Amino acid sequence: MTMGVIFDMDGVLIDSETFYFERRMNFFQELEIDPGSNQIDDYVGKTEAAIWETLVPEDKSLREELYPKYVDYRKTHPIDFAKALRKEVKPLLDFLKKRDIPLALASSSPAVEIESMLIQCELTEYFSFVISGESLKQSKPHPEIYLKAKQQLDCDFFIAVEDSTIGIKSAKAANIYTVALKQPMQIDQSEADIQIESLQELEQIVLEKG
């Protein structure tokens, strides 16, 4: 039996959700505008478009006015991906690579952010397939992103590693065994097949499933 592993990025490979949330809140605070929600779990796992529909839910013109300003703000307040990379990631990817397990990265983040992370963290060589949700018609929790990753890896069995509620729903809808990495904030991960405290635990799961 061949096995493929599909990773989400934010909250899984990199500990970024809190940074992104605080950056958005600071942006709105500096403009003295109240965001649509100040709860982090309302943003976790969403595409950029869905995040902004949550930030500015009722005023499309304001949303379209603010977003380009935020893009500029983001450039001057970048995340340090290398610093945000979880320490267990490279040992885990080396473990999977030694076993010739093909890997995919399926993230709702913009493609430019995914590429920056892979380059800064020197992870490009590990992934056979990388896909951004912004390139798809349907975003998580729709299974499209995972269905495309499955098609590209072409294995008999798949494991998805997720953190968000909508990411877990997406993977399960694609009929994938789903591992949820627990987060410091309260997130409903009840639909996952199993929860883990650390990515290191994935090694044992792979051995058991393989």
Protein backbone atom coordinates (compact mmCIF):
# COMPACT_ATOMS: atom_id res chain seq x y z
CA MET A 1 0.00 0.00 0.00
CA THR A 2 1.29 3.45 -0.92
CA MET A 3 0.77 6.34 1.48
CA GLY A 4 0.76 10.10 0.99
CA VAL A 5 0.71 12.83 3.62
CA ILE A 6 -0.91 16.22 3.02
CA PHE A 7 -0.07 19.12 5.33
CA ASP A 8 -1.85 22.36 6.02
CA MET A 9 0.59 25.24 6.59
CA ASP A 10 -0.61 27.81 9.12
CA GLY A 11 -1.01 26.36 12.58
CA VAL A 12 0.58 23.08 11.47
CA LEU A 13 4.02 23.58 9.94
CA ILE A 14 4.34 27.10 11.27
CA ASP A 15 2.97 28.59 14.47
CA SER A 16 1.50 31.60 12.69
CA GLU A 17 -2.19 31.97 13.49
CA THR A 18 -1.67 34.22 16.52
CA PHE A 19 0.78 36.44 14.64
CA TYR A 20 -1.58 36.87 11.67
CA PHE A 21 -4.53 37.59 13.94
CA GLU A 22 -2.66 40.20 15.97
CA ARG A 23 -1.33 41.86 12.79
CA ARG A 24 -4.86 42.24 11.43
CA MET A 25 -6.18 43.58 14.74
CA ASN A 26 -3.31 46.08 15.01
CA PHE A 27 -4.00 47.28 11.47
CA PHE A 28 -7.64 47.98 12.29
CA GLN A 29 -6.74 49.55 15.62
CA GLU A 30 -4.34 51.97 13.96
CA LEU A 31 -7.12 53.00 11.58
CA GLU A 32 -9.56 53.26 14.51
CA ILE A 33 -11.98 50.88 12.78
CA ASP A 34 -13.73 48.03 14.56
CA PRO A 35 -13.24 44.66 12.81
CA GLY A 36 -16.21 42.38 12.23
CA SER A 37 -14.84 39.98 14.84
CA ASN A 38 -12.07 40.14 17.42
CA GLN A 39 -12.12 36.37 18.04
CA ILE A 40 -9.20 34.44 16.56
CA ASP A 41 -11.21 31.29 15.90
CA ASP A 42 -13.39 33.22 13.43
CA TYR A 43 -10.35 33.51 11.13
CA VAL A 44 -8.38 30.28 11.54
CA GLY A 45 -8.17 28.19 8.37
CA LYS A 46 -9.98 30.63 6.09
CA THR A 47 -8.83 31.96 2.73
CA GLU A 48 -7.78 35.59 2.44
CA ALA A 49 -11.11 36.49 0.80
CA ALA A 50 -13.12 34.79 3.55
CA ILE A 51 -11.02 36.47 6.24
CA TRP A 52 -11.78 39.89 4.81
CA GLU A 53 -15.47 39.12 4.55
CA THR A 54 -15.27 38.44 8.29
CA LEU A 55 -13.21 41.55 9.02
CA VAL A 56 -15.55 43.83 7.03
CA PRO A 57 -18.77 41.84 6.66
CA GLU A 58 -21.31 44.39 5.45
CA ASP A 59 -19.47 47.13 3.57
CA LYS A 60 -17.94 45.81 0.34
CA SER A 61 -16.64 49.22 -0.74
CA LEU A 62 -14.84 49.69 2.58
CA ARG A 63 -13.43 46.18 2.31
CA GLU A 64 -12.10 46.92 -1.17
CA GLU A 65 -10.63 50.20 0.08
CA LEU A 66 -8.89 48.68 3.11
CA TYR A 67 -7.46 45.52 1.60
CA PRO A 68 -4.76 47.17 -0.60
CA LYS A 69 -3.72 49.23 2.41
CA TYR A 70 -3.41 46.05 4.46
CA VAL A 71 -1.29 44.43 1.74
CA ASP A 72 1.15 47.33 2.11
CA TYR A 73 0.95 47.06 5.90
CA ARG A 74 1.71 43.35 5.67
CA LYS A 75 4.86 44.07 3.66
CA THR A 76 6.18 46.34 6.42
CA HIS A 77 5.11 43.91 9.16
CA PRO A 78 6.23 40.53 7.77
CA ILE A 79 6.24 37.26 9.64
CA ASP A 80 9.60 35.59 10.20
CA PHE A 81 8.73 32.15 8.83
CA ALA A 82 12.01 30.59 9.92
CA LYS A 83 11.32 31.69 13.48
CA ALA A 84 7.70 30.52 13.31
CA LEU A 85 8.59 27.06 11.95
CA ARG A 86 7.82 24.36 14.49
CA LYS A 87 11.00 22.64 15.65
CA GLU A 88 9.54 19.18 14.94
CA VAL A 89 8.91 19.89 11.25
CA LYS A 90 12.28 19.13 9.66
CA PRO A 91 12.90 15.92 11.64
CA LEU A 92 9.39 14.77 10.69
CA LEU A 93 9.85 15.59 7.00
CA ASP A 94 13.21 13.80 6.99
CA PHE A 95 11.53 10.77 8.58
CA LEU A 96 8.87 10.74 5.84
CA LYS A 97 11.39 11.37 3.05
CA LYS A 98 13.53 8.40 4.14
CA ARG A 99 10.46 6.21 3.74
CA ASP A 100 9.72 7.59 0.26
CA ILE A 101 6.34 8.93 1.38
CA PRO A 102 5.21 11.66 -1.05
CA LEU A 103 4.12 14.91 0.57
CA ALA A 104 1.78 17.72 -0.44
CA LEU A 105 1.14 21.14 1.05
CA ALA A 106 -2.50 22.27 0.81
CA SER A 107 -3.03 25.69 2.37
CA SER A 108 -5.68 28.40 2.23
CA SER A 109 -2.93 31.02 2.43
CA PRO A 110 -1.98 33.13 -0.61
CA ALA A 111 0.53 31.45 -2.93
CA VAL A 112 3.11 34.18 -2.31
CA GLU A 113 3.00 33.46 1.44
CA ILE A 114 3.37 29.72 0.87
CA GLU A 115 6.34 30.24 -1.44
CA SER A 116 8.00 32.60 1.02
CA MET A 117 7.60 30.08 3.83
CA LEU A 118 9.05 27.22 1.77
CA ILE A 119 12.06 29.30 0.73
CA GLN A 120 12.78 30.86 4.12
CA CYS A 121 12.43 27.53 5.92
CA GLU A 122 14.25 25.56 3.19
CA LEU A 123 11.39 23.08 2.79
CA THR A 124 10.77 23.24 -0.96
CA GLU A 125 12.54 19.95 -1.72
CA TYR A 126 10.25 17.95 0.56
CA PHE A 127 6.97 18.58 -1.24
CA SER A 128 5.91 16.89 -4.46
CA PHE A 129 2.86 19.14 -4.79
CA VAL A 130 1.93 22.55 -3.38
CA ILE A 131 -1.45 24.21 -3.77
CA SER A 132 -2.99 27.46 -2.52
CA GLY A 133 -6.70 27.76 -1.85
CA GLU A 134 -6.76 31.15 -3.58
CA SER A 135 -6.31 29.35 -6.92
CA LEU A 136 -9.47 27.27 -6.48
CA LYS A 137 -13.16 27.91 -7.08
CA GLN A 138 -14.09 26.43 -3.71
CA SER A 139 -12.28 27.02 -0.43
CA LYS A 140 -12.13 24.96 2.75
CA PRO A 141 -14.38 23.42 4.13
CA HIS A 142 -15.09 22.32 0.55
CA PRO A 143 -12.88 19.29 -0.25
CA GLU A 144 -11.56 20.61 -3.60
CA ILE A 145 -8.08 21.42 -2.31
CA TYR A 146 -7.64 17.95 -0.82
CA LEU A 147 -9.13 16.18 -3.83
CA LYS A 148 -6.57 17.90 -6.07
CA ALA A 149 -3.74 16.98 -3.71
CA LYS A 150 -4.89 13.34 -3.66
CA GLN A 151 -5.01 13.28 -7.44
CA GLN A 152 -1.46 14.61 -7.71
CA LEU A 153 0.08 12.27 -5.13
CA ASP A 154 -1.83 9.25 -6.50
CA CYS A 155 -1.50 6.96 -3.46
CA ASP A 156 -3.69 4.24 -1.96
CA PHE A 157 -4.03 5.87 1.46
CA PHE A 158 -3.75 9.45 2.68
CA ILE A 159 -3.19 11.27 5.93
CA ALA A 160 -4.06 14.95 6.29
CA VAL A 161 -2.58 17.08 9.06
CA GLU A 162 -4.81 20.00 9.99
CA ASP A 163 -5.58 22.36 12.84
CA SER A 164 -8.74 24.32 11.97
CA THR A 165 -12.36 23.20 12.06
CA ILE A 166 -12.92 24.01 8.39
CA GLY A 167 -9.64 22.37 7.37
CA ILE A 168 -10.62 19.18 9.15
CA LYS A 169 -14.05 19.25 7.48
CA SER A 170 -12.35 19.70 4.09
CA ALA A 171 -10.04 16.72 4.57
CA LYS A 172 -12.79 14.47 5.90
CA ALA A 173 -15.07 15.41 2.99
CA ALA A 174 -12.27 14.20 0.70
CA ASN A 175 -12.32 10.86 2.56
CA ILE A 176 -8.90 11.33 4.15
CA TYR A 177 -7.71 10.06 7.53
CA THR A 178 -7.32 13.34 9.39
CA VAL A 179 -4.90 14.18 12.17
CA ALA A 180 -5.58 17.37 14.15
CA LEU A 181 -2.70 19.21 15.79
CA LYS A 182 -3.98 20.74 19.02
CA GLN A 183 -3.74 24.53 19.29
CA PRO A 184 -3.35 26.95 22.21
CA MET A 185 -6.68 28.58 21.33
CA GLN A 186 -9.99 26.72 21.59
CA ILE A 187 -10.80 25.12 18.22
CA ASP A 188 -13.37 22.43 17.52
CA GLN A 189 -11.37 19.45 16.23
CA SER A 190 -13.99 16.84 17.06
CA GLU A 191 -14.39 15.62 13.47
CA ALA A 192 -10.72 14.61 13.18
CA ASP A 193 -9.84 10.92 13.40
CA ILE A 194 -7.19 11.63 16.02
CA GLN A 195 -5.70 14.60 17.86
CA ILE A 196 -2.00 15.03 18.61
CA GLU A 197 -0.10 17.35 20.93
CA SER A 198 3.03 17.45 18.75
CA LEU A 199 3.91 16.74 15.12
CA GLN A 200 6.42 14.20 16.40
CA GLU A 201 3.48 11.91 17.18
CA LEU A 202 2.74 11.67 13.46
CA GLU A 203 5.73 9.35 13.02
CA GLN A 204 4.04 6.62 15.06
CA ILE A 205 0.75 7.12 13.22
CA VAL A 206 2.52 6.68 9.88
CA LEU A 207 4.20 3.50 11.09
CA GLU A 208 0.89 2.09 12.33
CA LYS A 209 -1.03 3.00 9.17
CA GLY A 210 1.73 1.88 6.81
